[in-house]
Amino acid sequence: MTVQDWAANDPEEFDDLEVFIDREAFISQLRPVEQRGSEVDFPPIANGLDYLLSVITCLAAEEEEWEWVSARDLKYAVLHLQAAAEVLLKYRLQQEHWTLVFADPGKARKEELVDGSLASCTPAQTVDRLRRIVGLPIGDKDAAALAKLAKTRNALQHYGLTDRARAVEARTAEVLDFLVRFLDEQLLPALTDEDRQRTTQDMQYIRSGLNRIQGFVTRRMQRLRAELEPDRNRTVACPHCDQWALVVADGNNKCRFCTVRTDVLDYVLRRGTGSNASYRRCLGCDNHTLVCDALTAAAPTVPADLCFSCGKTFPALKICLWCDRRFQPHGLETVCAACLTDRGAEEDQ
């Protein structure tokens, strides 16, 4: 039962309960916007925090309830988390200059901003402008997590969504963590002492919920550690939940965290933005399933070519300086053997 449900009931309904409920004391703990008959007052930061509070209520009101999170809870957690991201990120953009929140800043009209009739920038444009114009250090991983959340929200909002609960939960935790850091670093310091004080209780609840969600992800990965350890050299970050738990070449390429199966084409298409992902024929098993520039749990910063069929890894291919084709170097070569042969033939003529 939600806070609003408890507050809306009459005290007589609880007369037969063993525990006495002081309704007046309970209502006194409600935020102003939760009071019955309260006026609608959601300025940007308060609005964003209210959405985040809803996310925590859906996912992690109590730690022991995590395993019982329903599909409906996840649905509204995604919708409200995306709403929070848009409100808070666009507010920071507006602080830089009010025209930046318009889809086309060159056609911005102040009255459209005031009455809310503007066509605003997309989530992707918002992140791009915060990085490129405002100069905020939003990393590629956070930007990719925000993009995935926006895609998931769009599916839910317009088309419907079928996905694994664990994957949705893990992605939600990533974005929630980013937004808490974004609030701490970009938005809360600019508030007056009085306004910052008003956010204290909400932020404490949000941080507590985030810790519970992250704790679940950590404990689940710890339980999988022994199972994953022998296969670290063929384990990659799952493109669905972003956990280092997708073991390839085990017959079904299934993530041990979210249980989603990912074939080579799905993996290549879903990899992070800016990746040079591609795949080719494997030198070991001859299947067309060798993913180029993959990162494994055994060497998460060293790209290698990993086969999704046989599980073998090979040193990452180089790009030939002359023909731009990939080739397997045998030392410090920067030009492929074919180009060297052709050049040698030209010189002999």
Protein backbone atom coordinates (compact mmCIF):
# COMPACT_ATOMS: atom_id res chain seq x y z
CA MET A 1 0.00 0.00 0.00
CA THR A 2 1.34 3.40 -0.97
CA VAL A 3 1.65 6.46 1.23
CA GLN A 4 -1.31 8.01 -0.56
CA ASP A 5 -3.46 4.92 0.07
CA TRP A 6 -2.77 5.00 3.79
CA ALA A 7 -3.42 8.70 4.04
CA ALA A 8 -6.70 8.50 2.15
CA ASN A 9 -8.31 5.97 4.48
CA ASP A 10 -10.38 6.83 7.51
CA PRO A 11 -9.06 5.88 10.97
CA GLU A 12 -12.15 3.72 11.60
CA GLU A 13 -10.93 1.23 9.01
CA PHE A 14 -7.93 0.40 11.24
CA ASP A 15 -9.82 -0.07 14.54
CA ASP A 16 -9.43 -3.84 14.44
CA LEU A 17 -5.66 -3.73 13.82
CA GLU A 18 -3.38 -4.86 16.63
CA VAL A 19 -1.06 -1.94 15.98
CA PHE A 20 -2.51 1.51 16.63
CA ILE A 21 -1.94 3.95 13.78
CA ASP A 22 -1.67 7.63 14.58
CA ARG A 23 -3.06 8.98 11.33
CA GLU A 24 -2.26 12.60 12.10
CA ALA A 25 1.37 11.79 12.89
CA PHE A 26 1.59 9.73 9.70
CA ILE A 27 0.16 12.49 7.52
CA SER A 28 2.56 15.00 9.07
CA GLN A 29 5.43 12.98 7.55
CA LEU A 30 4.08 13.33 4.01
CA ARG A 31 5.68 15.68 1.55
CA PRO A 32 3.52 18.71 0.64
CA VAL A 33 2.70 17.26 -2.79
CA GLU A 34 1.43 14.06 -1.12
CA GLN A 35 -1.05 15.87 1.08
CA ARG A 36 -4.69 15.56 0.05
CA GLY A 37 -5.91 18.68 -1.73
CA SER A 38 -2.39 19.99 -2.38
CA GLU A 39 -1.74 22.23 -5.37
CA VAL A 40 0.31 21.06 -8.34
CA ASP A 41 3.80 22.49 -7.81
CA PHE A 42 6.64 20.64 -9.54
CA PRO A 43 9.56 22.89 -10.52
CA PRO A 44 12.27 21.02 -12.48
CA ILE A 45 14.44 19.56 -9.72
CA ALA A 46 11.49 18.73 -7.47
CA ASN A 47 9.81 17.16 -10.50
CA GLY A 48 12.86 15.04 -11.30
CA LEU A 49 13.23 13.94 -7.69
CA ASP A 50 9.56 12.96 -7.53
CA TYR A 51 10.02 10.70 -10.55
CA LEU A 52 13.10 9.14 -8.94
CA LEU A 53 11.19 8.53 -5.72
CA SER A 54 8.61 6.66 -7.77
CA VAL A 55 11.37 4.54 -9.34
CA ILE A 56 12.69 3.59 -5.90
CA THR A 57 9.18 2.78 -4.68
CA CYS A 58 8.70 0.47 -7.68
CA LEU A 59 12.03 -1.32 -7.40
CA ALA A 60 13.49 -1.20 -3.93
CA ALA A 61 11.14 -0.02 -1.21
CA GLU A 62 12.49 -2.90 0.90
CA GLU A 63 15.56 -4.98 0.15
CA GLU A 64 13.84 -8.29 0.81
CA GLU A 65 11.13 -7.37 -1.71
CA TRP A 66 13.55 -7.17 -4.68
CA GLU A 67 12.90 -10.71 -5.87
CA TRP A 68 9.18 -9.90 -5.96
CA VAL A 69 9.39 -6.88 -8.27
CA SER A 70 6.61 -7.30 -10.82
CA ALA A 71 6.62 -6.64 -14.55
CA ARG A 72 4.28 -3.70 -13.90
CA ASP A 73 6.70 -2.27 -11.34
CA LEU A 74 9.49 -2.50 -13.92
CA LYS A 75 7.31 -0.86 -16.55
CA TYR A 76 6.63 2.22 -14.45
CA ALA A 77 10.20 2.30 -13.14
CA VAL A 78 11.42 2.59 -16.74
CA LEU A 79 8.83 5.22 -17.69
CA HIS A 80 9.48 7.36 -14.62
CA LEU A 81 13.26 6.97 -14.78
CA GLN A 82 13.28 8.20 -18.38
CA ALA A 83 11.01 11.09 -17.37
CA ALA A 84 13.43 11.99 -14.56
CA ALA A 85 16.40 11.85 -16.94
CA GLU A 86 14.73 14.16 -19.46
CA VAL A 87 13.60 16.67 -16.82
CA LEU A 88 16.96 16.88 -15.03
CA LEU A 89 19.23 16.84 -18.10
CA LYS A 90 17.16 19.41 -19.98
CA TYR A 91 17.04 21.63 -16.90
CA ARG A 92 20.86 21.69 -16.86
CA LEU A 93 20.80 22.49 -20.58
CA GLN A 94 18.36 25.32 -19.94
CA GLN A 95 20.67 26.71 -17.25
CA GLU A 96 23.35 27.08 -19.93
CA HIS A 97 20.91 28.86 -22.27
CA TRP A 98 17.17 28.56 -22.61
CA THR A 99 17.30 28.08 -26.40
CA LEU A 100 19.28 24.84 -26.09
CA VAL A 101 16.22 22.83 -25.03
CA PHE A 102 14.50 23.51 -28.36
CA ALA A 103 14.76 20.97 -31.17
CA ASP A 104 15.91 23.87 -33.37
CA PRO A 105 17.56 26.52 -31.16
CA GLY A 106 17.62 28.92 -34.11
CA LYS A 107 13.81 29.05 -34.08
CA ALA A 108 13.39 29.23 -30.28
CA ARG A 109 10.65 31.48 -28.93
CA LYS A 110 10.61 32.35 -25.24
CA GLU A 111 6.80 32.25 -25.00
CA GLU A 112 6.80 28.61 -26.18
CA LEU A 113 9.18 27.72 -23.36
CA VAL A 114 6.99 29.48 -20.81
CA ASP A 115 3.73 27.84 -21.89
CA GLY A 116 5.30 24.45 -22.62
CA SER A 117 4.30 24.32 -26.28
CA LEU A 118 7.87 24.01 -27.58
CA ALA A 119 9.18 21.11 -29.64
CA SER A 120 12.08 20.10 -27.42
CA CYS A 121 15.31 18.30 -28.27
CA THR A 122 15.45 14.51 -28.21
CA PRO A 123 17.19 12.60 -25.39
CA ALA A 124 20.14 11.91 -27.72
CA GLN A 125 20.39 15.59 -28.67
CA THR A 126 20.21 16.56 -24.99
CA VAL A 127 23.19 14.38 -24.08
CA ASP A 128 25.13 15.52 -27.15
CA ARG A 129 24.59 19.20 -26.32
CA LEU A 130 25.52 18.71 -22.68
CA ARG A 131 28.79 17.11 -23.75
CA ARG A 132 29.62 19.28 -26.77
CA ILE A 133 28.26 22.72 -25.81
CA VAL A 134 28.10 22.73 -22.01
CA GLY A 135 31.26 20.64 -21.76
CA LEU A 136 30.01 18.14 -19.18
CA PRO A 137 32.14 14.99 -18.82
CA ILE A 138 29.39 12.47 -19.56
CA GLY A 139 31.28 9.27 -20.37
CA ASP A 140 30.48 6.92 -23.24
CA LYS A 141 29.19 4.27 -20.84
CA ASP A 142 26.71 6.67 -19.20
CA ALA A 143 25.65 8.04 -22.59
CA ALA A 144 25.06 4.50 -23.87
CA ALA A 145 23.02 3.63 -20.75
CA LEU A 146 20.85 6.72 -21.26
CA ALA A 147 20.35 5.80 -24.93
CA LYS A 148 19.30 2.26 -24.01
CA LEU A 149 16.84 3.57 -21.43
CA ALA A 150 15.29 5.96 -23.98
CA LYS A 151 14.93 3.09 -26.46
CA THR A 152 13.28 0.88 -23.82
CA ARG A 153 10.90 3.68 -22.81
CA ASN A 154 9.92 4.31 -26.43
CA ALA A 155 9.13 0.63 -26.90
CA LEU A 156 6.97 0.61 -23.76
CA GLN A 157 5.25 3.87 -24.58
CA HIS A 158 4.47 3.27 -28.23
CA TYR A 159 4.85 -0.35 -29.27
CA GLY A 160 5.05 -2.60 -26.22
CA LEU A 161 8.09 -4.41 -24.84
CA THR A 162 9.14 -7.97 -24.15
CA ASP A 163 12.42 -8.25 -22.26
CA ARG A 164 14.06 -10.13 -19.40
CA ALA A 165 13.40 -8.60 -15.99
CA ARG A 166 17.01 -8.89 -14.84
CA ALA A 167 18.26 -7.00 -17.91
CA VAL A 168 15.78 -4.17 -17.34
CA GLU A 169 16.69 -4.00 -13.64
CA ALA A 170 20.43 -3.80 -14.30
CA ARG A 171 20.02 -1.07 -16.93
CA THR A 172 17.77 0.87 -14.56
CA ALA A 173 20.40 0.72 -11.81
CA GLU A 174 23.02 2.16 -14.18
CA VAL A 175 20.96 5.20 -15.14
CA LEU A 176 19.76 5.76 -11.59
CA ASP A 177 23.37 5.81 -10.41
CA PHE A 178 24.26 8.34 -13.13
CA LEU A 179 21.35 10.64 -12.24
CA VAL A 180 22.26 10.67 -8.55
CA ARG A 181 25.82 11.68 -9.50
CA PHE A 182 24.44 14.25 -11.95
CA LEU A 183 22.30 15.78 -9.21
CA ASP A 184 25.21 15.88 -6.75
CA GLU A 185 27.67 17.40 -9.22
CA GLN A 186 25.57 19.60 -11.50
CA LEU A 187 22.24 20.60 -9.97
CA LEU A 188 22.14 20.50 -6.16
CA PRO A 189 25.23 22.72 -5.59
CA ALA A 190 23.52 25.57 -7.48
CA LEU A 191 20.46 25.54 -5.20
CA THR A 192 20.00 27.98 -2.36
CA ASP A 193 20.59 26.59 1.12
CA GLU A 194 16.84 26.60 1.73
CA ASP A 195 16.03 24.73 -1.49
CA ARG A 196 18.85 22.26 -0.92
CA GLN A 197 17.53 21.56 2.56
CA ARG A 198 14.14 20.69 1.06
CA THR A 199 15.75 18.00 -1.09
CA THR A 200 17.67 16.35 1.76
CA GLN A 201 15.06 13.80 2.78
CA ASP A 202 14.22 12.87 -0.82
CA MET A 203 17.89 12.38 -1.70
CA GLN A 204 18.48 10.21 1.36
CA TYR A 205 15.62 7.93 0.31
CA ILE A 206 16.82 7.82 -3.30
CA ARG A 207 20.42 7.02 -2.29
CA SER A 208 19.22 4.30 0.07
CA GLY A 209 17.13 2.72 -2.69
CA LEU A 210 20.00 2.93 -5.18
CA ASN A 211 22.28 1.16 -2.70
CA ARG A 212 19.73 -1.65 -2.34
CA ILE A 213 19.39 -2.05 -6.11
CA GLN A 214 23.16 -2.02 -6.68
CA GLY A 215 23.55 -4.44 -3.77
CA PHE A 216 21.27 -6.92 -5.51
CA VAL A 217 23.25 -6.73 -8.76
CA THR A 218 26.53 -7.12 -6.86
CA ARG A 219 25.31 -10.12 -4.84
CA ARG A 220 23.98 -11.85 -7.95
CA MET A 221 27.30 -11.36 -9.75
CA GLN A 222 29.15 -12.66 -6.68
CA ARG A 223 27.03 -15.81 -6.74
CA LEU A 224 27.97 -16.28 -10.41
CA ARG A 225 31.68 -15.67 -9.88
CA ALA A 226 32.69 -19.32 -9.42
CA GLU A 227 30.60 -20.34 -12.43
CA LEU A 228 32.13 -17.63 -14.65
CA GLU A 229 35.76 -17.86 -13.51
CA PRO A 230 36.85 -20.78 -15.76
CA ASP A 231 35.50 -19.03 -18.87
CA ARG A 232 36.77 -15.46 -18.38
CA ASN A 233 38.68 -15.55 -21.68
CA ARG A 234 35.40 -16.10 -23.59
CA THR A 235 33.09 -14.01 -21.41
CA VAL A 236 32.01 -10.58 -22.66
CA ALA A 237 29.77 -7.80 -21.35
CA CYS A 238 26.18 -8.68 -22.18
CA PRO A 239 24.68 -6.06 -24.53
CA HIS A 240 21.31 -6.46 -22.77
CA CYS A 241 22.24 -6.03 -19.09
CA ASP A 242 25.87 -4.77 -19.39
CA GLN A 243 27.15 -7.35 -16.89
CA TRP A 244 30.30 -9.37 -17.62
CA ALA A 245 28.31 -12.58 -17.78
CA LEU A 246 27.76 -13.49 -21.46
CA VAL A 247 29.71 -16.70 -22.04
CA VAL A 248 30.09 -17.43 -25.76
CA ALA A 249 30.70 -20.73 -27.52
CA ASP A 250 28.84 -22.73 -24.87
CA GLY A 251 26.13 -23.94 -27.23
CA ASN A 252 23.67 -21.09 -26.74
CA ASN A 253 25.66 -17.91 -25.96
CA LYS A 254 23.46 -17.17 -22.93
CA CYS A 255 24.11 -14.47 -20.35
CA ARG A 256 24.36 -16.01 -16.89
CA PHE A 257 23.00 -12.82 -15.26
CA CYS A 258 19.91 -11.94 -17.31
CA THR A 259 19.61 -15.28 -19.21
CA VAL A 260 19.21 -13.57 -22.62
CA ARG A 261 20.69 -15.47 -25.57
CA THR A 262 22.77 -13.36 -27.97
CA ASP A 263 24.03 -14.54 -31.34
CA VAL A 264 26.98 -12.94 -33.10
CA LEU A 265 24.92 -10.57 -35.25
CA ASP A 266 22.83 -9.39 -32.30
CA TYR A 267 26.01 -8.78 -30.30
CA VAL A 268 27.65 -6.78 -33.08
CA LEU A 269 24.56 -4.63 -33.64
CA ARG A 270 24.00 -3.93 -29.94
CA ARG A 271 27.56 -2.99 -28.99
CA GLY A 272 28.20 0.51 -27.66
CA THR A 273 28.16 3.66 -29.75
CA GLY A 274 31.38 4.47 -31.54
CA SER A 275 32.46 0.82 -31.73
CA ASN A 276 34.12 -0.56 -34.87
CA ALA A 277 32.31 -3.85 -34.30
CA SER A 278 32.28 -6.33 -37.13
CA TYR A 279 32.72 -10.05 -37.59
CA ARG A 280 34.41 -12.35 -40.09
CA ARG A 281 35.41 -15.95 -40.72
CA CYS A 282 37.22 -17.62 -37.82
CA LEU A 283 40.77 -18.83 -38.48
CA GLY A 284 40.13 -21.79 -36.14
CA CYS A 285 36.70 -23.27 -36.89
CA ASP A 286 36.07 -21.56 -40.27
CA ASN A 287 32.63 -20.27 -39.13
CA HIS A 288 31.69 -16.67 -39.92
CA THR A 289 31.42 -15.85 -36.21
CA LEU A 290 34.69 -14.16 -35.25
CA VAL A 291 33.88 -10.81 -33.59
CA CYS A 292 36.55 -8.18 -34.13
CA ASP A 293 37.81 -5.99 -31.27
CA ALA A 294 35.93 -7.79 -28.52
CA LEU A 295 36.75 -7.14 -24.87
CA THR A 296 36.69 -10.14 -22.53
CA ALA A 297 36.46 -10.46 -18.77
CA ALA A 298 40.01 -11.82 -18.78
CA ALA A 299 41.36 -8.68 -20.50
CA PRO A 300 38.67 -5.96 -20.35
CA THR A 301 40.94 -3.25 -21.81
CA VAL A 302 42.73 -5.25 -24.53
CA PRO A 303 40.74 -5.76 -27.77
CA ALA A 304 40.94 -9.22 -29.31
CA ASP A 305 39.06 -11.16 -31.96
CA LEU A 306 36.74 -13.69 -30.28
CA CYS A 307 34.88 -16.51 -32.02
CA PHE A 308 31.30 -17.03 -30.89
CA SER A 309 31.40 -20.61 -32.20
CA CYS A 310 34.64 -22.14 -30.95
CA GLY A 311 35.56 -19.62 -28.24
CA LYS A 312 39.10 -19.06 -29.51
CA THR A 313 40.67 -15.62 -29.34
CA PHE A 314 43.18 -14.07 -31.72
CA PRO A 315 45.17 -10.83 -31.57
CA ALA A 316 43.10 -7.95 -32.90
CA LEU A 317 43.46 -7.34 -36.61
CA LYS A 318 45.11 -4.19 -37.91
CA ILE A 319 43.92 -1.85 -40.65
CA CYS A 320 46.27 -1.80 -43.62
CA LEU A 321 47.60 1.71 -44.19
CA TRP A 322 47.48 1.24 -47.95
CA CYS A 323 44.19 -0.55 -48.68
CA ASP A 324 42.24 -0.03 -45.40
CA ARG A 325 41.45 -3.76 -45.19
CA ARG A 326 41.90 -5.73 -41.96
CA PHE A 327 44.82 -8.15 -41.80
CA GLN A 328 46.50 -10.42 -39.24
CA PRO A 329 49.94 -8.97 -38.41
CA HIS A 330 52.84 -11.27 -37.59
CA GLY A 331 54.85 -8.56 -35.90
CA LEU A 332 54.83 -4.78 -36.23
CA GLU A 333 53.57 -4.72 -39.83
CA THR A 334 51.33 -1.81 -40.77
CA VAL A 335 50.70 -2.98 -44.35
CA CYS A 336 49.05 -6.24 -45.34
CA ALA A 337 50.89 -8.98 -47.26
CA ALA A 338 48.73 -8.49 -50.35
CA CYS A 339 49.73 -4.83 -50.64
CA LEU A 340 53.38 -5.67 -50.10
CA THR A 341 53.18 -8.32 -52.83
CA ASP A 342 51.48 -5.89 -55.23
CA ARG A 343 54.03 -3.17 -54.50
CA GLY A 344 56.89 -5.61 -55.01
CA ALA A 345 55.43 -6.70 -58.35
CA GLU A 346 55.13 -3.06 -59.48
CA GLU A 347 58.78 -2.39 -58.58
CA ASP A 348 59.95 -5.46 -60.50
CA GLN A 349 58.30 -4.24 -63.71
